[in-house]
Structures are given as C-alpha cells and as structure tokens.
PDB file of N, CA and C in Angstrom:
ATOM      1  N   MET A   1      17.661  31.074 -25.867  1.00  0.00           N
ATOM      2  CA  MET A   1      16.601  30.296 -25.233  1.00  0.00           C
ATOM      3  C   MET A   1      15.364  30.632 -25.511  1.00  0.00           C
ATOM      4  N   LYS A   2      14.502  29.365 -25.646  1.00  0.00           N
ATOM      5  CA  LYS A   2      12.893  29.739 -25.772  1.00  0.00           C
ATOM      6  C   LYS A   2      12.604  30.221 -24.571  1.00  0.00           C
ATOM      7  N   ALA A   3      11.522  31.149 -24.545  1.00  0.00           N
ATOM      8  CA  ALA A   3      11.011  31.745 -23.408  1.00  0.00           C
ATOM      9  C   ALA A   3       9.578  31.076 -22.848  1.00  0.00           C
ATOM     10  N   THR A   4       9.163  30.465 -23.727  1.00  0.00           N
ATOM     11  CA  THR A   4       7.581  29.480 -23.482  1.00  0.00           C
ATOM     12  C   THR A   4       7.936  28.329 -22.769  1.00  0.00           C
ATOM     13  N   ILE A   5       9.166  27.898 -22.920  1.00  0.00           N
ATOM     14  CA  ILE A   5       9.351  26.337 -22.596  1.00  0.00           C
ATOM     15  C   ILE A   5       9.742  26.020 -20.944  1.00  0.00           C
ATOM     16  N   HIS A   6      10.090  27.148 -20.151  1.00  0.00           N
ATOM     17  CA  HIS A   6      10.593  27.027 -18.893  1.00  0.00           C
ATOM     18  C   HIS A   6       9.435  26.998 -18.079  1.00  0.00           C
ATOM     19  N   PRO A   7       9.120  26.507 -16.873  1.00  0.00           N
ATOM     20  CA  PRO A   7       8.368  26.252 -15.963  1.00  0.00           C
ATOM     21  C   PRO A   7       8.439  27.343 -15.230  1.00  0.00           C
ATOM     22  N   GLN A   8       7.354  27.909 -14.714  1.00  0.00           N
ATOM     23  CA  GLN A   8       6.901  29.042 -13.608  1.00  0.00           C
ATOM     24  C   GLN A   8       7.712  28.733 -12.326  1.00  0.00           C
ATOM     25  N   TYR A   9       8.397  29.568 -11.712  1.00  0.00           N
ATOM     26  CA  TYR A   9       9.097  29.217 -10.487  1.00  0.00           C
ATOM     27  C   TYR A   9       8.479  30.192  -9.550  1.00  0.00           C
ATOM     28  N   PHE A  10       8.104  29.433  -8.357  1.00  0.00           N
ATOM     29  CA  PHE A  10       7.758  30.039  -7.008  1.00  0.00           C
ATOM     30  C   PHE A  10       8.459  30.337  -5.866  1.00  0.00           C
ATOM     31  N   ASP A  11       8.992  31.545  -5.567  1.00  0.00           N
ATOM     32  CA  ASP A  11       9.890  31.703  -4.498  1.00  0.00           C
ATOM     33  C   ASP A  11       9.159  31.173  -3.332  1.00  0.00           C
ATOM     34  N   ASN A  12       7.953  31.114  -2.910  1.00  0.00           N
ATOM     35  CA  ASN A  12       7.592  31.008  -1.622  1.00  0.00           C
ATOM     36  C   ASN A  12       6.541  29.820  -1.899  1.00  0.00           C
ATOM     37  N   CYS A  13       7.267  28.729  -2.081  1.00  0.00           N
ATOM     38  CA  CYS A  13       6.222  27.357  -1.920  1.00  0.00           C
ATOM     39  C   CYS A  13       5.995  26.844  -0.691  1.00  0.00           C
ATOM     40  N   ALA A  14       4.778  26.782  -0.440  1.00  0.00           N
ATOM     41  CA  ALA A  14       4.140  26.320   0.942  1.00  0.00           C
ATOM     42  C   ALA A  14       4.430  24.816   1.139  1.00  0.00           C
ATOM     43  N   VAL A  15       5.143  24.448   1.906  1.00  0.00           N
ATOM     44  CA  VAL A  15       5.598  22.865   2.058  1.00  0.00           C
ATOM     45  C   VAL A  15       4.571  22.430   3.527  1.00  0.00           C
ATOM     46  N   THR A  16       3.748  21.621   3.323  1.00  0.00           N
ATOM     47  CA  THR A  16       2.752  21.144   4.553  1.00  0.00           C
ATOM     48  C   THR A  16       3.176  19.870   5.078  1.00  0.00           C
ATOM     49  N   CYS A  17       3.679  19.279   6.178  1.00  0.00           N
ATOM     50  CA  CYS A  17       3.695  17.816   6.393  1.00  0.00           C
ATOM     51  C   CYS A  17       2.478  17.271   7.243  1.00  0.00           C
ATOM     52  N   ALA A  18       2.589  15.954   7.181  1.00  0.00           N
ATOM     53  CA  ALA A  18       1.490  15.265   7.841  1.00  0.00           C
ATOM     54  C   ALA A  18       1.514  15.494   9.292  1.00  0.00           C
ATOM     55  N   CYS A  19       2.714  16.018   9.867  1.00  0.00           N
ATOM     56  CA  CYS A  19       2.929  15.977  11.459  1.00  0.00           C
ATOM     57  C   CYS A  19       2.159  17.440  11.666  1.00  0.00           C
ATOM     58  N   GLY A  20       1.814  18.323  10.884  1.00  0.00           N
ATOM     59  CA  GLY A  20       1.459  19.755  11.009  1.00  0.00           C
ATOM     60  C   GLY A  20       2.724  20.804  10.852  1.00  0.00           C
ATOM     61  N   ASN A  21       3.800  20.317  10.543  1.00  0.00           N
ATOM     62  CA  ASN A  21       5.000  21.323  10.332  1.00  0.00           C
ATOM     63  C   ASN A  21       4.531  21.839   9.117  1.00  0.00           C
ATOM     64  N   LYS A  22       5.054  23.069   9.164  1.00  0.00           N
ATOM     65  CA  LYS A  22       4.748  24.323   7.647  1.00  0.00           C
ATOM     66  C   LYS A  22       6.126  24.738   7.171  1.00  0.00           C
ATOM     67  N   PHE A  23       6.599  25.237   6.159  1.00  0.00           N
ATOM     68  CA  PHE A  23       7.622  25.704   5.921  1.00  0.00           C
ATOM     69  C   PHE A  23       7.532  26.307   4.406  1.00  0.00           C
ATOM     70  N   THR A  24       8.439  27.147   4.060  1.00  0.00           N
ATOM     71  CA  THR A  24       8.528  27.561   2.759  1.00  0.00           C
ATOM     72  C   THR A  24       9.756  27.183   2.250  1.00  0.00           C
ATOM     73  N   THR A  25       9.730  26.929   0.657  1.00  0.00           N
ATOM     74  CA  THR A  25      11.046  26.968  -0.114  1.00  0.00           C
ATOM     75  C   THR A  25      10.698  27.448  -1.696  1.00  0.00           C
ATOM     76  N   GLY A  26      11.544  27.155  -2.376  1.00  0.00           N
ATOM     77  CA  GLY A  26      11.019  27.668  -3.840  1.00  0.00           C
ATOM     78  C   GLY A  26      10.974  26.084  -4.746  1.00  0.00           C
ATOM     79  N   SER A  27       9.981  26.340  -5.573  1.00  0.00           N
ATOM     80  CA  SER A  27       9.654  25.059  -6.243  1.00  0.00           C
ATOM     81  C   SER A  27       8.766  25.714  -7.757  1.00  0.00           C
ATOM     82  N   THR A  28       8.580  24.789  -8.503  1.00  0.00           N
ATOM     83  CA  THR A  28       7.882  25.082  -9.679  1.00  0.00           C
ATOM     84  C   THR A  28       6.468  24.631  -9.010  1.00  0.00           C
ATOM     85  N   VAL A  29       6.008  24.234  -8.158  1.00  0.00           N
ATOM     86  CA  VAL A  29       4.622  24.089  -7.662  1.00  0.00           C
ATOM     87  C   VAL A  29       4.388  24.982  -6.795  1.00  0.00           C
ATOM     88  N   GLU A  30       3.097  25.331  -6.495  1.00  0.00           N
ATOM     89  CA  GLU A  30       2.689  26.414  -5.289  1.00  0.00           C
ATOM     90  C   GLU A  30       2.544  25.985  -4.057  1.00  0.00           C
ATOM     91  N   LYS A  31       1.866  24.583  -3.890  1.00  0.00           N
ATOM     92  CA  LYS A  31       2.035  23.961  -2.407  1.00  0.00           C
ATOM     93  C   LYS A  31       2.347  22.570  -2.653  1.00  0.00           C
ATOM     94  N   ILE A  32       2.999  22.059  -1.582  1.00  0.00           N
ATOM     95  CA  ILE A  32       3.504  20.621  -1.556  1.00  0.00           C
ATOM     96  C   ILE A  32       3.168  19.999  -0.285  1.00  0.00           C
ATOM     97  N   GLU A  33       2.517  18.777  -0.492  1.00  0.00           N
ATOM     98  CA  GLU A  33       2.199  18.224   0.948  1.00  0.00           C
ATOM     99  C   GLU A  33       3.213  16.952   0.934  1.00  0.00           C
ATOM    100  N   VAL A  34       3.758  16.823   2.269  1.00  0.00           N
ATOM    101  CA  VAL A  34       4.956  15.581   2.424  1.00  0.00           C
ATOM    102  C   VAL A  34       4.322  14.724   3.498  1.00  0.00           C
ATOM    103  N   GLU A  35       4.864  13.319   3.651  1.00  0.00           N
ATOM    104  CA  GLU A  35       4.365  12.685   4.685  1.00  0.00           C
ATOM    105  C   GLU A  35       4.990  12.720   6.040  1.00  0.00           C
ATOM    106  N   VAL A  36       6.337  12.993   5.641  1.00  0.00           N
ATOM    107  CA  VAL A  36       7.749  13.031   6.385  1.00  0.00           C
ATOM    108  C   VAL A  36       8.385  14.399   6.281  1.00  0.00           C
ATOM    109  N   CYS A  37       8.907  14.990   7.207  1.00  0.00           N
ATOM    110  CA  CYS A  37       9.617  16.096   6.997  1.00  0.00           C
ATOM    111  C   CYS A  37      10.842  15.819   8.404  1.00  0.00           C
ATOM    112  N   SER A  38      11.949  16.795   8.337  1.00  0.00           N
ATOM    113  CA  SER A  38      12.820  17.007   9.392  1.00  0.00           C
ATOM    114  C   SER A  38      12.482  16.944  10.841  1.00  0.00           C
ATOM    115  N   LYS A  39      11.218  17.307  10.981  1.00  0.00           N
ATOM    116  CA  LYS A  39      10.742  17.762  12.565  1.00  0.00           C
ATOM    117  C   LYS A  39      10.184  16.315  12.823  1.00  0.00           C
ATOM    118  N   CYS A  40       9.608  15.305  12.049  1.00  0.00           N
ATOM    119  CA  CYS A  40       9.237  14.124  12.522  1.00  0.00           C
ATOM    120  C   CYS A  40      10.075  13.080  12.023  1.00  0.00           C
ATOM    121  N   HIS A  41      11.119  12.861  11.064  1.00  0.00           N
ATOM    122  CA  HIS A  41      11.774  11.862  10.690  1.00  0.00           C
ATOM    123  C   HIS A  41      12.395  11.097  11.587  1.00  0.00           C
ATOM    124  N   PRO A  42      12.464   9.764  11.548  1.00  0.00           N
ATOM    125  CA  PRO A  42      13.368   9.164  12.808  1.00  0.00           C
ATOM    126  C   PRO A  42      14.708   9.595  12.814  1.00  0.00           C
ATOM    127  N   PHE A  43      15.434  10.057  11.803  1.00  0.00           N
ATOM    128  CA  PHE A  43      16.776  10.168  11.544  1.00  0.00           C
ATOM    129  C   PHE A  43      16.998  11.357  12.259  1.00  0.00           C
ATOM    130  N   PHE A  44      16.290  12.412  12.093  1.00  0.00           N
ATOM    131  CA  PHE A  44      16.371  13.664  12.531  1.00  0.00           C
ATOM    132  C   PHE A  44      15.879  13.823  13.970  1.00  0.00           C
ATOM    133  N   THR A  45      14.947  13.014  14.369  1.00  0.00           N
ATOM    134  CA  THR A  45      14.686  13.285  16.089  1.00  0.00           C
ATOM    135  C   THR A  45      15.092  12.256  16.962  1.00  0.00           C
ATOM    136  N   GLY A  46      15.748  11.144  16.357  1.00  0.00           N
ATOM    137  CA  GLY A  46      16.486  10.046  17.070  1.00  0.00           C
ATOM    138  C   GLY A  46      15.370   9.220  17.795  1.00  0.00           C
ATOM    139  N   THR A  47      14.012   9.124  17.662  1.00  0.00           N
ATOM    140  CA  THR A  47      13.035   8.565  18.125  1.00  0.00           C
ATOM    141  C   THR A  47      13.038   7.532  16.999  1.00  0.00           C
ATOM    142  N   GLN A  48      11.925   6.433  17.401  1.00  0.00           N
ATOM    143  CA  GLN A  48      11.512   5.323  16.382  1.00  0.00           C
ATOM    144  C   GLN A  48       9.932   5.191  16.375  1.00  0.00           C
ATOM    145  N   LYS A  49       9.355   5.172  15.107  1.00  0.00           N
ATOM    146  CA  LYS A  49       7.995   5.235  15.035  1.00  0.00           C
ATOM    147  C   LYS A  49       7.584   3.521  14.781  1.00  0.00           C
ATOM    148  N   PHE A  50       6.886   3.087  15.169  1.00  0.00           N
ATOM    149  CA  PHE A  50       6.142   1.861  14.848  1.00  0.00           C
ATOM    150  C   PHE A  50       4.996   1.820  13.750  1.00  0.00           C
ATOM    151  N   VAL A  51       5.276   1.478  12.661  1.00  0.00           N
ATOM    152  CA  VAL A  51       4.018   1.405  12.270  1.00  0.00           C
ATOM    153  C   VAL A  51       3.260   0.169  11.964  1.00  0.00           C
ATOM    154  N   ASN A  52       2.127   0.247  12.110  1.00  0.00           N
ATOM    155  CA  ASN A  52       1.535  -1.147  12.100  1.00  0.00           C
ATOM    156  C   ASN A  52       0.799  -1.422  10.545  1.00  0.00           C
ATOM    157  N   ILE A  53       1.885  -1.836   9.921  1.00  0.00           N
ATOM    158  CA  ILE A  53       1.507  -2.422   8.409  1.00  0.00           C
ATOM    159  C   ILE A  53       1.944  -3.894   8.314  1.00  0.00           C
ATOM    160  N   LYS A  54       1.239  -4.692   7.661  1.00  0.00           N
ATOM    161  CA  LYS A  54       1.571  -6.092   7.662  1.00  0.00           C
ATOM    162  C   LYS A  54       2.624  -6.181   7.010  1.00  0.00           C
ATOM    163  N   GLY A  55       3.697  -6.942   7.278  1.00  0.00           N
ATOM    164  CA  GLY A  55       4.815  -7.357   6.521  1.00  0.00           C
ATOM    165  C   GLY A  55       4.533  -7.996   5.064  1.00  0.00           C
ATOM    166  N   ARG A  56       5.676  -8.331   4.216  1.00  0.00           N
ATOM    167  CA  ARG A  56       5.267  -9.004   3.055  1.00  0.00           C
ATOM    168  C   ARG A  56       5.223 -10.614   3.508  1.00  0.00           C
ATOM    169  N   ILE A  57       5.667 -11.118   4.549  1.00  0.00           N
ATOM    170  CA  ILE A  57       5.715 -12.360   5.226  1.00  0.00           C
ATOM    171  C   ILE A  57       4.015 -12.705   5.378  1.00  0.00           C
ATOM    172  N   ASP A  58       3.730 -11.810   6.576  1.00  0.00           N
ATOM    173  CA  ASP A  58       2.315 -11.771   6.894  1.00  0.00           C
ATOM    174  C   ASP A  58       1.458 -12.080   5.722  1.00  0.00           C
ATOM    175  N   LYS A  59       1.401 -11.135   4.677  1.00  0.00           N
ATOM    176  CA  LYS A  59       0.571 -11.037   3.622  1.00  0.00           C
ATOM    177  C   LYS A  59       0.788 -12.343   2.587  1.00  0.00           C
ATOM    178  N   PHE A  60       1.983 -12.682   2.570  1.00  0.00           N
ATOM    179  CA  PHE A  60       1.957 -14.159   2.009  1.00  0.00           C
ATOM    180  C   PHE A  60       1.503 -15.395   2.593  1.00  0.00           C
ATOM    181  N   ARG A  61       1.543 -15.587   3.889  1.00  0.00           N
ATOM    182  CA  ARG A  61       1.037 -16.528   4.805  1.00  0.00           C
ATOM    183  C   ARG A  61      -0.575 -16.252   4.511  1.00  0.00           C
ATOM    184  N   GLU A  62      -0.928 -15.216   4.766  1.00  0.00           N
ATOM    185  CA  GLU A  62      -2.501 -15.034   4.600  1.00  0.00           C
ATOM    186  C   GLU A  62      -2.891 -15.455   3.340  1.00  0.00           C
ATOM    187  N   LYS A  63      -2.188 -15.338   1.936  1.00  0.00           N
ATOM    188  CA  LYS A  63      -2.866 -15.622   0.747  1.00  0.00           C
ATOM    189  C   LYS A  63      -2.510 -17.154   0.842  1.00  0.00           C
ATOM    190  N   GLN A  64      -1.710 -17.576   1.268  1.00  0.00           N
ATOM    191  CA  GLN A  64      -1.278 -19.107   1.477  1.00  0.00           C
ATOM    192  C   GLN A  64      -2.375 -19.847   2.029  1.00  0.00           C
ATOM    193  N   ALA A  65      -2.722 -19.406   3.152  1.00  0.00           N
ATOM    194  CA  ALA A  65      -4.050 -19.943   3.797  1.00  0.00           C
ATOM    195  C   ALA A  65      -5.396 -19.987   3.139  1.00  0.00           C
ATOM    196  N   GLN A  66      -5.594 -18.732   2.390  1.00  0.00           N
ATOM    197  CA  GLN A  66      -6.634 -18.781   1.451  1.00  0.00           C
ATOM    198  C   GLN A  66      -6.732 -19.778   0.386  1.00  0.00           C
ATOM    199  N   GLY A  67      -5.505 -19.907  -0.249  1.00  0.00           N
ATOM    200  CA  GLY A  67      -5.378 -21.026  -1.125  1.00  0.00           C
ATOM    201  C   GLY A  67      -5.570 -22.387  -0.887  1.00  0.00           C
ATOM    202  N   THR A  68      -5.172 -22.523   0.460  1.00  0.00           N
ATOM    203  CA  THR A  68      -5.248 -24.075   0.808  1.00  0.00           C
ATOM    204  C   THR A  68      -6.851 -24.212   1.236  1.00  0.00           C
ATOM    205  N   ALA A  69      -7.500 -23.141   1.771  1.00  0.00           N
ATOM    206  CA  ALA A  69      -8.768 -23.278   2.177  1.00  0.00           C
ATOM    207  C   ALA A  69      -9.755 -23.236   0.868  1.00  0.00           C
ATOM    208  N   TYR A  70      -9.043 -22.773  -0.185  1.00  0.00           N
ATOM    209  CA  TYR A  70      -9.921 -22.716  -1.449  1.00  0.00           C
ATOM    210  C   TYR A  70      -9.897 -24.357  -2.315  1.00  0.00           C
ATOM    211  N   LYS A  71      -8.560 -24.824  -1.990  1.00  0.00           N
ATOM    212  CA  LYS A  71      -8.482 -26.039  -2.539  1.00  0.00           C
ATOM    213  C   LYS A  71      -9.116 -27.119  -1.976  1.00  0.00           C
ATOM    214  N   ALA A  72      -9.132 -27.186  -0.444  1.00  0.00           N
ATOM    215  CA  ALA A  72      -9.869 -27.920   0.084  1.00  0.00           C
ATOM    216  C   ALA A  72     -11.548 -27.776  -0.107  1.00  0.00           C
ATOM    217  N   LYS A  73     -11.994 -26.629  -0.392  1.00  0.00           N
ATOM    218  CA  LYS A  73     -13.458 -26.538  -0.753  1.00  0.00           C
ATOM    219  C   LYS A  73     -13.678 -27.172  -1.892  1.00  0.00           C
ATOM    220  N   LYS A  74     -12.844 -26.787  -2.822  1.00  0.00           N
ATOM    221  CA  LYS A  74     -12.923 -27.441  -4.385  1.00  0.00           C
ATOM    222  C   LYS A  74     -12.780 -28.903  -4.296  1.00  0.00           C
ATOM    223  N   LEU A  75     -11.841 -29.183  -3.607  1.00  0.00           N
ATOM    224  CA  LEU A  75     -11.903 -31.048  -3.126  1.00  0.00           C
ATOM    225  C   LEU A  75     -13.046 -31.695  -2.901  1.00  0.00           C
ATOM    226  N   ALA A  76     -13.718 -30.782  -1.756  1.00  0.00           N
ATOM    227  CA  ALA A  76     -14.985 -31.467  -1.201  1.00  0.00           C
ATOM    228  C   ALA A  76     -16.241 -31.378  -2.099  1.00  0.00           C
ATOM    229  N   LYS A  77     -16.035 -30.177  -3.033  1.00  0.00           N
ATOM    230  CA  LYS A  77     -17.018 -30.111  -4.017  1.00  0.00           C
ATOM    231  C   LYS A  77     -17.115 -31.230  -4.812  1.00  0.00           C
ATOM    232  N   LYS A  78     -15.770 -31.523  -5.540  1.00  0.00           N
ATOM    233  CA  LYS A  78     -15.577 -32.728  -6.348  1.00  0.00           C
ATOM    234  C   LYS A  78     -15.969 -34.043  -6.003  1.00  0.00           C
ATOM    235  N   SER A  79     -15.508 -34.224  -4.772  1.00  0.00           N
ATOM    236  CA  SER A  79     -15.846 -35.603  -4.317  1.00  0.00           C
ATOM    237  C   SER A  79     -17.419 -35.608  -4.001  1.00  0.00           C
ATOM    238  N   ASP A  80     -18.368 -34.648  -3.557  1.00  0.00           N
ATOM    239  CA  ASP A  80     -19.591 -34.619  -3.592  1.00  0.00           C
ATOM    240  C   ASP A  80     -20.056 -34.854  -5.198  1.00  0.00           C
ATOM    241  N   LYS A  81     -19.592 -34.196  -5.911  1.00  0.00           N
ATOM    242  CA  LYS A  81     -20.043 -34.707  -7.452  1.00  0.00           C
ATOM    243  C   LYS A  81     -19.546 -35.760  -7.688  1.00  0.00           C
ATOM    244  N   THR A  82     -18.837 -36.471  -7.315  1.00  0.00           N
ATOM    245  CA  THR A  82     -18.175 -38.061  -7.771  1.00  0.00           C
ATOM    246  C   THR A  82     -19.175 -38.744  -7.158  1.00  0.00           C
ATOM    247  N   LYS A  83     -19.668 -38.437  -5.694  1.00  0.00           N
ATOM    248  CA  LYS A  83     -20.432 -39.428  -5.188  1.00  0.00           C
ATOM    249  C   LYS A  83     -22.003 -39.385  -5.781  1.00  0.00           C
ATOM    250  N   LYS A  84     -22.231 -38.144  -6.578  1.00  0.00           N
ATOM    251  CA  LYS A  84     -23.480 -38.247  -6.819  1.00  0.00           C
ATOM    252  C   LYS A  84     -23.723 -38.694  -8.050  1.00  0.00           C
ATOM    253  N   ILE A  85     -22.497 -38.774  -8.861  1.00  0.00           N
ATOM    254  CA  ILE A  85     -22.369 -39.437 -10.452  1.00  0.00           C
ATOM    255  C   ILE A  85     -22.489 -41.307 -10.031  1.00  0.00           C
ATOM    256  N   GLU A  86     -21.712 -41.436  -9.110  1.00  0.00           N
ATOM    257  CA  GLU A  86     -21.723 -43.108  -8.491  1.00  0.00           C
ATOM    258  C   GLU A  86     -23.020 -43.562  -8.438  1.00  0.00           C
ATOM    259  N   LYS A  87     -23.977 -42.705  -7.526  1.00  0.00           N
ATOM    260  CA  LYS A  87     -25.147 -42.937  -7.135  1.00  0.00           C
ATOM    261  C   LYS A  87     -26.004 -43.056  -8.429  1.00  0.00           C
ATOM    262  N   GLU A  88     -25.799 -42.269  -9.253  1.00  0.00           N
ATOM    263  CA  GLU A  88     -26.562 -42.217 -10.457  1.00  0.00           C
ATOM    264  C   GLU A  88     -26.494 -43.355 -11.373  1.00  0.00           C
ATOM    265  N   LYS A  89     -25.186 -43.866 -11.338  1.00  0.00           N
ATOM    266  CA  LYS A  89     -24.731 -45.078 -12.293  1.00  0.00           C
ATOM    267  C   LYS A  89     -25.503 -46.447 -11.467  1.00  0.00           C
ATOM    268  N   LEU A  90     -25.511 -46.188 -10.302  1.00  0.00           N
ATOM    269  CA  LEU A  90     -25.916 -47.491  -9.534  1.00  0.00           C
ATOM    270  C   LEU A  90     -27.453 -47.657  -9.460  1.00  0.00           C
ATOM    271  N   ASN A  91     -28.124 -46.600  -9.990  1.00  0.00           N
ATOM    272  CA  ASN A  91     -29.532 -46.565  -9.942  1.00  0.00           C
ATOM    273  C   ASN A  91     -29.944 -46.572 -11.684  1.00  0.00           C
TER     274      ASN A  91
END
C-alpha cells in the first residue's frame, strides 16, 4: 500500500458539544464540535426540547401573504396609471 495517501489518525480527538459536554475519541480530525450529544439528546435523556423555529407551513403562509400584498399594491399602481392615461385622453 502507498504510505502517503492515508490520512493521519488522532487517538485523542477532543469532541465538544453545544451543551458543554466534552469527551475524547479517535478520528482523523483533532477537534470536533457537535450540536447534540448523548448527554443532551432527547432520546438518551428522556426529555423533550421545544425549539422555536418556524415550521414549513408558517413560512409558506408568510410568503403567500407577502405575495398577495404585492399583487394588491401592483394592481393599485396599475389602476392609478390607467386613470392618469384616461385623464390625459380627455384633455
């Protein structure tokens, strides 16, 4: 086997979780940062976390409301332009 193609392996890779938990493992990277570990994951702890993130439906409804507001604004602008053109034709 070729000696230069294999990655360097670190026996003491430091893993740090967002909850503050730290542990070591073996990896090809020296430091790893994770968001969830066995100390804070709901499956292992038996608790449930509520994350305040908008769901897909809420995002869709928000975009839809913006679209209808844009259409109303564009329609009002078009009607103003039409009225202006009609006024010019009469004069």
